[in-house]
Amino acid sequence: MIWPFVRRNPRSDTISTLYGMIVAQARMPCFYRDYGVADTINGRFDLIVLHLMLLFHRLAAEPPRRRALGQSVFDFFCRDMDHNLREMGVGDLAVPKKMQRIGAAFYGNLQAYEEALQAGTSEALKKAVIRNVEGASGDERLAAGRFAAYITEAIRVLAGQRYDLLAAGELSFPNPENVHEWDSLRA
C-alpha cells in the first residue's frame, strides 16, 4: 500500500519541470556571451521573466481553464524567488518588500512585452528588450535586434506545441545560438 502522504502530485512535478526548463533556457551561456545580457542576478532574472512571458503568451491562446497552468508556473516562480532571497541572506522582515519589487518588475516587463507584441513590429520588440533586459557593461552591447528575432521565433515554436504536451511538462524553445537578427526578415 502506498501511504497518501508519500504520493507525489503529478501536477506539481509538471510545474516544477516546466519552470526548470524555463530557468535552464534562461541560463544558456549564449545569452550572456552573444546577446550581451549582463551575467548578474538582474540579468538572469530578466531572462527568466522573458521566458515566463513566452509561456504565458502561448497559454493565452488556450481556454481559461487551461490558463491555470500558467498561474501554477507563476506561483512556483514566486516561491523560487522567495527561496533565493532567503538563500542570499535577505532577512525575514525584508523579504516581503523585495518580493513586492520583484512582482512590480515582473508585471512591468510582462506589460512591455505584451504591448510590443501587440504592436507587431521588430522595432517595438527591440525597445521592450532594451527596457527590460540588463545589458553587460563595457564594449558588449545588448543585441536587441537578435532578441526580437529570438522572441518572434520562440512564439512561433511555442504556438506549434500542443497543450497536452505542455500540460505533461514538455516545453521547447528555439536554440538561441541558431537565431540571428536576419531570421526575423524571412517570411
N, C-alpha and C. Protein backbone atom coordinates (compact mmCIF):
# COMPACT_ATOMS: atom_id res chain seq x y z
N MET A 1 0.83 -1.18 0.00
CA MET A 1 0.00 0.00 0.00
C MET A 1 0.88 1.25 0.00
N ILE A 2 0.51 2.23 -0.80
CA ILE A 2 1.24 3.50 -0.83
C ILE A 2 0.52 4.45 0.12
N TRP A 3 1.29 4.99 1.05
CA TRP A 3 0.72 5.92 2.01
C TRP A 3 0.35 7.22 1.30
N PRO A 4 -0.79 7.79 1.60
CA PRO A 4 -1.23 9.02 0.92
C PRO A 4 -0.23 10.17 1.04
N PHE A 5 0.46 10.27 2.17
CA PHE A 5 1.38 11.38 2.35
C PHE A 5 2.70 11.17 1.62
N VAL A 6 2.92 9.99 1.04
CA VAL A 6 4.13 9.70 0.29
C VAL A 6 3.94 9.94 -1.20
N ARG A 7 2.71 9.95 -1.65
CA ARG A 7 2.43 10.14 -3.08
C ARG A 7 2.88 11.53 -3.53
N ARG A 8 3.34 11.58 -4.74
CA ARG A 8 3.73 12.86 -5.33
C ARG A 8 2.62 13.31 -6.27
N ASN A 9 2.34 14.56 -6.22
CA ASN A 9 1.32 15.13 -7.09
C ASN A 9 1.93 15.31 -8.48
N PRO A 10 1.40 14.60 -9.50
CA PRO A 10 1.99 14.75 -10.83
C PRO A 10 1.90 16.19 -11.34
N ARG A 11 0.88 16.92 -10.92
CA ARG A 11 0.74 18.31 -11.34
C ARG A 11 1.93 19.14 -10.84
N SER A 12 2.33 18.94 -9.57
CA SER A 12 3.46 19.71 -9.05
C SER A 12 4.75 19.30 -9.75
N ASP A 13 4.88 18.03 -10.13
CA ASP A 13 6.06 17.60 -10.88
C ASP A 13 6.09 18.29 -12.25
N THR A 14 4.93 18.40 -12.89
CA THR A 14 4.85 19.06 -14.19
C THR A 14 5.24 20.52 -14.08
N ILE A 15 4.73 21.20 -13.07
CA ILE A 15 5.02 22.63 -12.87
C ILE A 15 6.52 22.81 -12.61
N SER A 16 7.07 21.97 -11.77
CA SER A 16 8.50 22.03 -11.47
C SER A 16 9.32 21.80 -12.73
N THR A 17 8.91 20.86 -13.55
CA THR A 17 9.62 20.56 -14.80
C THR A 17 9.55 21.74 -15.76
N LEU A 18 8.36 22.31 -15.94
CA LEU A 18 8.20 23.46 -16.83
C LEU A 18 9.07 24.63 -16.37
N TYR A 19 9.01 24.92 -15.08
CA TYR A 19 9.81 26.02 -14.55
C TYR A 19 11.30 25.73 -14.70
N GLY A 20 11.70 24.49 -14.46
CA GLY A 20 13.10 24.12 -14.63
C GLY A 20 13.57 24.32 -16.06
N MET A 21 12.70 24.03 -17.03
CA MET A 21 13.05 24.24 -18.44
C MET A 21 13.21 25.72 -18.75
N ILE A 22 12.36 26.54 -18.15
CA ILE A 22 12.45 27.99 -18.34
C ILE A 22 13.77 28.50 -17.78
N VAL A 23 14.11 28.08 -16.57
CA VAL A 23 15.36 28.52 -15.94
C VAL A 23 16.56 28.02 -16.74
N ALA A 24 16.53 26.78 -17.19
CA ALA A 24 17.64 26.24 -17.98
C ALA A 24 17.82 27.03 -19.26
N GLN A 25 16.72 27.39 -19.92
CA GLN A 25 16.82 28.18 -21.15
C GLN A 25 17.40 29.56 -20.85
N ALA A 26 16.94 30.16 -19.76
CA ALA A 26 17.42 31.50 -19.38
C ALA A 26 18.89 31.50 -19.01
N ARG A 27 19.42 30.37 -18.62
CA ARG A 27 20.83 30.29 -18.21
C ARG A 27 21.76 29.87 -19.34
N MET A 28 21.23 29.73 -20.54
CA MET A 28 22.09 29.32 -21.65
C MET A 28 23.20 30.37 -21.84
N PRO A 29 24.45 29.92 -21.88
CA PRO A 29 25.58 30.85 -21.96
C PRO A 29 25.53 31.82 -23.13
N CYS A 30 24.95 31.42 -24.24
CA CYS A 30 24.99 32.32 -25.40
C CYS A 30 24.21 33.62 -25.16
N PHE A 31 23.22 33.61 -24.27
CA PHE A 31 22.52 34.86 -23.97
C PHE A 31 23.48 35.88 -23.36
N TYR A 32 24.42 35.40 -22.57
CA TYR A 32 25.36 36.28 -21.89
C TYR A 32 26.57 36.57 -22.78
N ARG A 33 26.93 35.61 -23.58
CA ARG A 33 28.09 35.75 -24.46
C ARG A 33 27.74 36.50 -25.75
N ASP A 34 26.66 36.09 -26.42
CA ASP A 34 26.35 36.60 -27.76
C ASP A 34 25.26 37.67 -27.79
N TYR A 35 24.34 37.61 -26.85
CA TYR A 35 23.24 38.57 -26.84
C TYR A 35 23.54 39.79 -25.98
N GLY A 36 24.61 39.73 -25.20
CA GLY A 36 25.03 40.89 -24.42
C GLY A 36 24.30 41.08 -23.11
N VAL A 37 23.68 40.03 -22.56
CA VAL A 37 22.98 40.15 -21.28
C VAL A 37 24.02 40.14 -20.16
N ALA A 38 23.82 40.98 -19.18
CA ALA A 38 24.73 41.01 -18.03
C ALA A 38 24.58 39.71 -17.25
N ASP A 39 25.69 39.08 -16.94
CA ASP A 39 25.66 37.85 -16.15
C ASP A 39 25.62 38.23 -14.67
N THR A 40 24.48 38.76 -14.29
CA THR A 40 24.24 39.22 -12.91
C THR A 40 22.91 38.65 -12.45
N ILE A 41 22.61 38.87 -11.20
CA ILE A 41 21.30 38.43 -10.67
C ILE A 41 20.19 39.08 -11.48
N ASN A 42 20.32 40.36 -11.75
CA ASN A 42 19.28 41.07 -12.52
C ASN A 42 19.19 40.57 -13.95
N GLY A 43 20.32 40.34 -14.59
CA GLY A 43 20.31 39.83 -15.96
C GLY A 43 19.66 38.46 -16.04
N ARG A 44 19.95 37.60 -15.08
CA ARG A 44 19.34 36.26 -15.06
C ARG A 44 17.84 36.35 -14.78
N PHE A 45 17.47 37.23 -13.86
CA PHE A 45 16.06 37.44 -13.57
C PHE A 45 15.32 37.90 -14.83
N ASP A 46 15.91 38.85 -15.55
CA ASP A 46 15.29 39.38 -16.77
C ASP A 46 15.03 38.28 -17.79
N LEU A 47 15.97 37.34 -17.92
CA LEU A 47 15.78 36.26 -18.88
C LEU A 47 14.74 35.24 -18.42
N ILE A 48 14.67 35.01 -17.13
CA ILE A 48 13.61 34.12 -16.62
C ILE A 48 12.25 34.76 -16.90
N VAL A 49 12.12 36.04 -16.63
CA VAL A 49 10.85 36.74 -16.89
C VAL A 49 10.51 36.69 -18.37
N LEU A 50 11.48 36.90 -19.24
CA LEU A 50 11.24 36.83 -20.68
C LEU A 50 10.67 35.47 -21.06
N HIS A 51 11.26 34.40 -20.54
CA HIS A 51 10.80 33.06 -20.91
C HIS A 51 9.47 32.70 -20.25
N LEU A 52 9.22 33.24 -19.07
CA LEU A 52 7.89 33.07 -18.48
C LEU A 52 6.85 33.75 -19.36
N MET A 53 7.18 34.96 -19.84
CA MET A 53 6.26 35.69 -20.72
C MET A 53 5.96 34.88 -21.96
N LEU A 54 6.97 34.23 -22.52
CA LEU A 54 6.74 33.43 -23.73
C LEU A 54 5.77 32.29 -23.46
N LEU A 55 5.92 31.62 -22.31
CA LEU A 55 4.97 30.56 -21.96
C LEU A 55 3.58 31.14 -21.74
N PHE A 56 3.48 32.24 -21.01
CA PHE A 56 2.17 32.85 -20.74
C PHE A 56 1.51 33.31 -22.03
N HIS A 57 2.30 33.85 -22.94
CA HIS A 57 1.77 34.28 -24.23
C HIS A 57 1.18 33.08 -24.98
N ARG A 58 1.88 31.97 -24.92
CA ARG A 58 1.38 30.74 -25.57
C ARG A 58 0.08 30.27 -24.91
N LEU A 59 0.04 30.30 -23.59
CA LEU A 59 -1.15 29.82 -22.88
C LEU A 59 -2.34 30.76 -23.04
N ALA A 60 -2.11 32.00 -23.40
CA ALA A 60 -3.20 32.95 -23.60
C ALA A 60 -4.11 32.51 -24.74
N ALA A 61 -3.62 31.67 -25.63
CA ALA A 61 -4.42 31.18 -26.76
C ALA A 61 -5.35 30.04 -26.33
N GLU A 62 -5.21 29.58 -25.12
CA GLU A 62 -6.00 28.46 -24.62
C GLU A 62 -7.26 28.94 -23.91
N PRO A 63 -8.25 28.06 -23.76
CA PRO A 63 -9.43 28.41 -22.97
C PRO A 63 -9.03 28.73 -21.53
N PRO A 64 -9.84 29.52 -20.83
CA PRO A 64 -9.48 29.97 -19.47
C PRO A 64 -9.09 28.84 -18.51
N ARG A 65 -9.75 27.72 -18.55
CA ARG A 65 -9.42 26.65 -17.59
C ARG A 65 -8.01 26.10 -17.82
N ARG A 66 -7.53 26.18 -19.04
CA ARG A 66 -6.18 25.70 -19.33
C ARG A 66 -5.11 26.72 -18.98
N ARG A 67 -5.50 27.97 -18.84
CA ARG A 67 -4.54 29.02 -18.50
C ARG A 67 -4.06 28.88 -17.05
N ALA A 68 -4.76 28.08 -16.26
CA ALA A 68 -4.37 27.85 -14.87
C ALA A 68 -2.96 27.27 -14.78
N LEU A 69 -2.53 26.60 -15.82
CA LEU A 69 -1.17 26.07 -15.86
C LEU A 69 -0.17 27.22 -15.70
N GLY A 70 -0.43 28.32 -16.38
CA GLY A 70 0.45 29.48 -16.27
C GLY A 70 0.47 30.05 -14.86
N GLN A 71 -0.68 30.09 -14.21
CA GLN A 71 -0.75 30.58 -12.83
C GLN A 71 0.08 29.69 -11.91
N SER A 72 0.01 28.39 -12.13
CA SER A 72 0.79 27.46 -11.31
C SER A 72 2.29 27.67 -11.51
N VAL A 73 2.70 27.92 -12.74
CA VAL A 73 4.12 28.18 -13.01
C VAL A 73 4.52 29.50 -12.37
N PHE A 74 3.66 30.51 -12.45
CA PHE A 74 3.95 31.80 -11.82
C PHE A 74 4.09 31.63 -10.31
N ASP A 75 3.20 30.87 -9.69
CA ASP A 75 3.29 30.63 -8.24
C ASP A 75 4.62 29.95 -7.89
N PHE A 76 5.04 29.01 -8.72
CA PHE A 76 6.31 28.32 -8.50
C PHE A 76 7.46 29.33 -8.60
N PHE A 77 7.40 30.21 -9.59
CA PHE A 77 8.39 31.27 -9.77
C PHE A 77 8.48 32.12 -8.50
N CYS A 78 7.34 32.52 -7.95
CA CYS A 78 7.34 33.34 -6.73
C CYS A 78 7.97 32.61 -5.55
N ARG A 79 7.66 31.34 -5.41
CA ARG A 79 8.27 30.55 -4.33
C ARG A 79 9.79 30.45 -4.55
N ASP A 80 10.20 30.29 -5.80
CA ASP A 80 11.63 30.21 -6.10
C ASP A 80 12.33 31.53 -5.78
N MET A 81 11.72 32.65 -6.14
CA MET A 81 12.32 33.95 -5.85
C MET A 81 12.42 34.16 -4.34
N ASP A 82 11.37 33.81 -3.60
CA ASP A 82 11.37 33.92 -2.14
C ASP A 82 12.51 33.08 -1.57
N HIS A 83 12.62 31.84 -2.03
CA HIS A 83 13.67 30.94 -1.56
C HIS A 83 15.06 31.52 -1.87
N ASN A 84 15.24 32.03 -3.08
CA ASN A 84 16.54 32.59 -3.47
C ASN A 84 16.91 33.81 -2.62
N LEU A 85 15.93 34.66 -2.33
CA LEU A 85 16.20 35.82 -1.49
C LEU A 85 16.69 35.37 -0.11
N ARG A 86 16.01 34.40 0.45
CA ARG A 86 16.39 33.90 1.77
C ARG A 86 17.77 33.24 1.73
N GLU A 87 18.04 32.53 0.65
CA GLU A 87 19.34 31.88 0.49
C GLU A 87 20.47 32.90 0.38
N MET A 88 20.16 34.06 -0.21
CA MET A 88 21.16 35.13 -0.35
C MET A 88 21.33 35.91 0.95
N GLY A 89 20.55 35.55 1.97
CA GLY A 89 20.72 36.18 3.27
C GLY A 89 19.77 37.33 3.55
N VAL A 90 18.77 37.53 2.73
CA VAL A 90 17.78 38.57 2.98
C VAL A 90 16.96 38.14 4.19
N GLY A 91 16.81 39.01 5.15
CA GLY A 91 16.09 38.69 6.38
C GLY A 91 14.60 38.56 6.18
N ASP A 92 13.97 37.86 7.12
CA ASP A 92 12.53 37.61 7.04
C ASP A 92 11.70 38.88 6.91
N LEU A 93 12.12 39.96 7.57
CA LEU A 93 11.35 41.19 7.51
C LEU A 93 11.50 41.92 6.17
N ALA A 94 12.61 41.71 5.50
CA ALA A 94 12.86 42.40 4.22
C ALA A 94 12.32 41.62 3.02
N VAL A 95 12.09 40.32 3.17
CA VAL A 95 11.65 39.50 2.03
C VAL A 95 10.36 40.02 1.41
N PRO A 96 9.32 40.34 2.20
CA PRO A 96 8.08 40.82 1.56
C PRO A 96 8.28 42.08 0.71
N LYS A 97 9.09 43.01 1.19
CA LYS A 97 9.36 44.23 0.41
C LYS A 97 10.10 43.90 -0.89
N LYS A 98 11.08 43.01 -0.80
CA LYS A 98 11.82 42.62 -2.00
C LYS A 98 10.89 41.87 -2.97
N MET A 99 10.01 41.04 -2.43
CA MET A 99 9.07 40.31 -3.29
C MET A 99 8.10 41.28 -3.98
N GLN A 100 7.72 42.35 -3.31
CA GLN A 100 6.87 43.36 -3.95
C GLN A 100 7.61 43.99 -5.13
N ARG A 101 8.89 44.29 -4.95
CA ARG A 101 9.68 44.86 -6.05
C ARG A 101 9.84 43.87 -7.19
N ILE A 102 10.02 42.60 -6.85
CA ILE A 102 10.13 41.56 -7.88
C ILE A 102 8.82 41.48 -8.65
N GLY A 103 7.69 41.51 -7.93
CA GLY A 103 6.38 41.47 -8.59
C GLY A 103 6.16 42.66 -9.50
N ALA A 104 6.54 43.85 -9.03
CA ALA A 104 6.37 45.04 -9.85
C ALA A 104 7.24 44.96 -11.11
N ALA A 105 8.47 44.49 -10.96
CA ALA A 105 9.35 44.34 -12.12
C ALA A 105 8.79 43.30 -13.08
N PHE A 106 8.31 42.20 -12.53
CA PHE A 106 7.75 41.14 -13.36
C PHE A 106 6.58 41.66 -14.19
N TYR A 107 5.61 42.30 -13.53
CA TYR A 107 4.44 42.78 -14.26
C TYR A 107 4.76 43.92 -15.21
N GLY A 108 5.72 44.77 -14.85
CA GLY A 108 6.15 45.83 -15.76
C GLY A 108 6.78 45.27 -17.02
N ASN A 109 7.65 44.27 -16.85
CA ASN A 109 8.27 43.63 -18.01
C ASN A 109 7.24 42.92 -18.87
N LEU A 110 6.34 42.20 -18.22
CA LEU A 110 5.30 41.47 -18.94
C LEU A 110 4.45 42.42 -19.78
N GLN A 111 4.06 43.53 -19.18
CA GLN A 111 3.23 44.51 -19.89
C GLN A 111 3.99 45.09 -21.08
N ALA A 112 5.26 45.42 -20.91
CA ALA A 112 6.05 45.99 -22.00
C ALA A 112 6.18 44.99 -23.16
N TYR A 113 6.40 43.72 -22.84
CA TYR A 113 6.49 42.71 -23.90
C TYR A 113 5.16 42.53 -24.61
N GLU A 114 4.08 42.46 -23.86
CA GLU A 114 2.77 42.26 -24.49
C GLU A 114 2.40 43.45 -25.38
N GLU A 115 2.69 44.66 -24.93
CA GLU A 115 2.43 45.84 -25.77
C GLU A 115 3.26 45.79 -27.05
N ALA A 116 4.51 45.37 -26.92
CA ALA A 116 5.37 45.26 -28.10
C ALA A 116 4.85 44.19 -29.06
N LEU A 117 4.39 43.08 -28.51
CA LEU A 117 3.85 42.01 -29.36
C LEU A 117 2.57 42.47 -30.05
N GLN A 118 1.74 43.24 -29.35
CA GLN A 118 0.52 43.77 -29.97
C GLN A 118 0.85 44.78 -31.07
N ALA A 119 1.92 45.54 -30.88
CA ALA A 119 2.34 46.49 -31.92
C ALA A 119 2.77 45.74 -33.17
N GLY A 120 3.33 44.55 -32.97
CA GLY A 120 3.65 43.68 -34.10
C GLY A 120 4.86 44.08 -34.93
N THR A 121 5.75 44.88 -34.36
CA THR A 121 6.93 45.27 -35.12
C THR A 121 8.21 44.84 -34.41
N SER A 122 9.22 44.61 -35.19
CA SER A 122 10.53 44.27 -34.64
C SER A 122 11.05 45.44 -33.80
N GLU A 123 10.79 46.64 -34.23
CA GLU A 123 11.25 47.83 -33.51
C GLU A 123 10.63 47.90 -32.11
N ALA A 124 9.35 47.58 -31.99
CA ALA A 124 8.68 47.58 -30.69
C ALA A 124 9.28 46.51 -29.77
N LEU A 125 9.58 45.34 -30.33
CA LEU A 125 10.21 44.29 -29.53
C LEU A 125 11.61 44.70 -29.08
N LYS A 126 12.35 45.35 -29.97
CA LYS A 126 13.69 45.82 -29.61
C LYS A 126 13.62 46.79 -28.43
N LYS A 127 12.67 47.72 -28.48
CA LYS A 127 12.52 48.69 -27.39
C LYS A 127 12.14 48.00 -26.09
N ALA A 128 11.28 46.99 -26.16
CA ALA A 128 10.89 46.25 -24.96
C ALA A 128 12.09 45.53 -24.36
N VAL A 129 12.92 44.95 -25.22
CA VAL A 129 14.11 44.25 -24.74
C VAL A 129 15.07 45.24 -24.09
N ILE A 130 15.30 46.37 -24.72
CA ILE A 130 16.20 47.38 -24.17
C ILE A 130 15.69 47.86 -22.81
N ARG A 131 14.37 48.00 -22.70
CA ARG A 131 13.76 48.42 -21.44
C ARG A 131 13.89 47.36 -20.37
N ASN A 132 13.74 46.08 -20.75
CA ASN A 132 13.57 45.00 -19.77
C ASN A 132 14.79 44.17 -19.44
N VAL A 133 15.80 44.17 -20.29
CA VAL A 133 16.93 43.26 -20.08
C VAL A 133 18.17 44.07 -19.74
N GLU A 134 18.80 43.70 -18.63
CA GLU A 134 20.03 44.37 -18.22
C GLU A 134 21.16 43.93 -19.13
N GLY A 135 21.76 44.89 -19.78
CA GLY A 135 22.88 44.59 -20.67
C GLY A 135 24.20 44.55 -19.92
N ALA A 136 25.16 43.89 -20.53
CA ALA A 136 26.50 43.82 -19.96
C ALA A 136 27.18 45.18 -20.07
N SER A 137 28.10 45.44 -19.19
CA SER A 137 28.84 46.71 -19.26
C SER A 137 30.05 46.54 -20.16
N GLY A 138 30.67 47.63 -20.47
CA GLY A 138 31.87 47.57 -21.31
C GLY A 138 31.54 47.65 -22.78
N ASP A 139 32.34 46.95 -23.59
CA ASP A 139 32.20 47.01 -25.03
C ASP A 139 30.99 46.22 -25.56
N GLU A 140 30.51 45.28 -24.76
CA GLU A 140 29.40 44.46 -25.22
C GLU A 140 28.10 45.28 -25.21
N ARG A 141 27.32 45.10 -26.24
CA ARG A 141 26.03 45.78 -26.32
C ARG A 141 24.94 44.74 -26.38
N LEU A 142 23.81 45.10 -25.83
CA LEU A 142 22.66 44.22 -25.87
C LEU A 142 22.22 44.07 -27.32
N ALA A 143 22.13 42.85 -27.79
CA ALA A 143 21.75 42.57 -29.17
C ALA A 143 20.22 42.57 -29.28
N ALA A 144 19.63 43.76 -29.21
CA ALA A 144 18.18 43.89 -29.17
C ALA A 144 17.51 43.34 -30.43
N GLY A 145 18.13 43.55 -31.59
CA GLY A 145 17.57 43.01 -32.83
C GLY A 145 17.56 41.49 -32.84
N ARG A 146 18.61 40.92 -32.31
CA ARG A 146 18.67 39.45 -32.23
C ARG A 146 17.65 38.93 -31.22
N PHE A 147 17.48 39.67 -30.12
CA PHE A 147 16.45 39.29 -29.14
C PHE A 147 15.06 39.33 -29.77
N ALA A 148 14.80 40.37 -30.55
CA ALA A 148 13.49 40.48 -31.21
C ALA A 148 13.26 39.28 -32.12
N ALA A 149 14.29 38.88 -32.84
CA ALA A 149 14.18 37.69 -33.71
C ALA A 149 13.97 36.44 -32.87
N TYR A 150 14.68 36.34 -31.73
CA TYR A 150 14.53 35.18 -30.85
C TYR A 150 13.10 35.11 -30.29
N ILE A 151 12.58 36.22 -29.82
CA ILE A 151 11.22 36.24 -29.28
C ILE A 151 10.22 35.82 -30.34
N THR A 152 10.38 36.35 -31.54
CA THR A 152 9.49 36.00 -32.65
C THR A 152 9.56 34.51 -32.95
N GLU A 153 10.76 33.97 -32.99
CA GLU A 153 10.94 32.54 -33.26
C GLU A 153 10.39 31.69 -32.11
N ALA A 154 10.62 32.12 -30.87
CA ALA A 154 10.11 31.36 -29.73
C ALA A 154 8.59 31.33 -29.73
N ILE A 155 7.96 32.43 -30.08
CA ILE A 155 6.49 32.46 -30.14
C ILE A 155 6.00 31.50 -31.23
N ARG A 156 6.70 31.49 -32.35
CA ARG A 156 6.32 30.57 -33.43
C ARG A 156 6.47 29.11 -32.98
N VAL A 157 7.58 28.80 -32.34
CA VAL A 157 7.83 27.43 -31.87
C VAL A 157 6.80 27.02 -30.83
N LEU A 158 6.55 27.89 -29.87
CA LEU A 158 5.59 27.57 -28.81
C LEU A 158 4.17 27.45 -29.35
N ALA A 159 3.82 28.23 -30.35
CA ALA A 159 2.48 28.15 -30.93
C ALA A 159 2.25 26.77 -31.55
N GLY A 160 3.31 26.12 -31.98
CA GLY A 160 3.20 24.80 -32.58
C GLY A 160 3.16 23.66 -31.57
N GLN A 161 3.30 23.98 -30.29
CA GLN A 161 3.29 22.94 -29.26
C GLN A 161 1.86 22.71 -28.76
N ARG A 162 1.48 21.47 -28.75
CA ARG A 162 0.13 21.11 -28.29
C ARG A 162 0.02 21.32 -26.78
N TYR A 163 -1.16 21.72 -26.36
CA TYR A 163 -1.38 21.96 -24.94
C TYR A 163 -1.16 20.71 -24.11
N ASP A 164 -1.61 19.56 -24.58
CA ASP A 164 -1.46 18.33 -23.79
C ASP A 164 0.01 18.03 -23.50
N LEU A 165 0.90 18.40 -24.42
CA LEU A 165 2.33 18.21 -24.16
C LEU A 165 2.84 19.21 -23.13
N LEU A 166 2.38 20.44 -23.23
CA LEU A 166 2.75 21.44 -22.22
C LEU A 166 2.27 20.98 -20.84
N ALA A 167 1.03 20.52 -20.77
CA ALA A 167 0.45 20.07 -19.51
C ALA A 167 1.17 18.84 -18.96
N ALA A 168 1.87 18.12 -19.82
CA ALA A 168 2.65 16.96 -19.40
C ALA A 168 4.09 17.34 -19.04
N GLY A 169 4.41 18.62 -19.15
CA GLY A 169 5.74 19.09 -18.76
C GLY A 169 6.74 19.17 -19.89
N GLU A 170 6.28 19.16 -21.13
CA GLU A 170 7.18 19.28 -22.28
C GLU A 170 7.11 20.71 -22.82
N LEU A 171 8.25 21.35 -22.86
CA LEU A 171 8.33 22.73 -23.30
C LEU A 171 9.59 22.88 -24.14
N SER A 172 9.43 23.42 -25.33
CA SER A 172 10.59 23.59 -26.23
C SER A 172 10.73 25.04 -26.61
N PHE A 173 11.95 25.52 -26.52
CA PHE A 173 12.31 26.85 -27.00
C PHE A 173 13.30 26.67 -28.14
N PRO A 174 13.41 27.66 -29.01
CA PRO A 174 14.44 27.57 -30.05
C PRO A 174 15.84 27.70 -29.43
N ASN A 175 16.82 27.17 -30.11
CA ASN A 175 18.19 27.32 -29.66
C ASN A 175 18.62 28.76 -29.99
N PRO A 176 18.92 29.58 -28.99
CA PRO A 176 19.26 30.98 -29.26
C PRO A 176 20.53 31.15 -30.09
N GLU A 177 21.40 30.13 -30.09
CA GLU A 177 22.60 30.22 -30.90
C GLU A 177 22.28 30.19 -32.39
N ASN A 178 21.14 29.60 -32.74
CA ASN A 178 20.76 29.47 -34.15
C ASN A 178 19.85 30.59 -34.64
N VAL A 179 19.57 31.56 -33.78
CA VAL A 179 18.70 32.68 -34.16
C VAL A 179 19.57 33.91 -34.37
N HIS A 180 19.39 34.52 -35.52
CA HIS A 180 20.14 35.73 -35.85
C HIS A 180 19.14 36.80 -36.26
N GLU A 181 19.55 38.04 -36.18
CA GLU A 181 18.63 39.15 -36.45
C GLU A 181 17.97 39.02 -37.81
N TRP A 182 18.67 38.56 -38.79
CA TRP A 182 18.10 38.45 -40.14
C TRP A 182 17.02 37.41 -40.22
N ASP A 183 16.97 36.46 -39.26
CA ASP A 183 15.93 35.43 -39.28
C ASP A 183 14.53 36.04 -39.26
N SER A 184 14.40 37.18 -38.57
CA SER A 184 13.07 37.79 -38.46
C SER A 184 12.61 38.40 -39.79
N LEU A 185 13.54 38.54 -40.74
CA LEU A 185 13.17 39.12 -42.02
C LEU A 185 12.65 38.07 -42.99
N ARG A 186 12.83 36.79 -42.66
CA ARG A 186 12.32 35.73 -43.53
C ARG A 186 10.81 35.66 -43.41
N ALA A 187 10.17 35.36 -44.50
CA ALA A 187 8.70 35.25 -44.44
C ALA A 187 8.26 33.94 -45.02
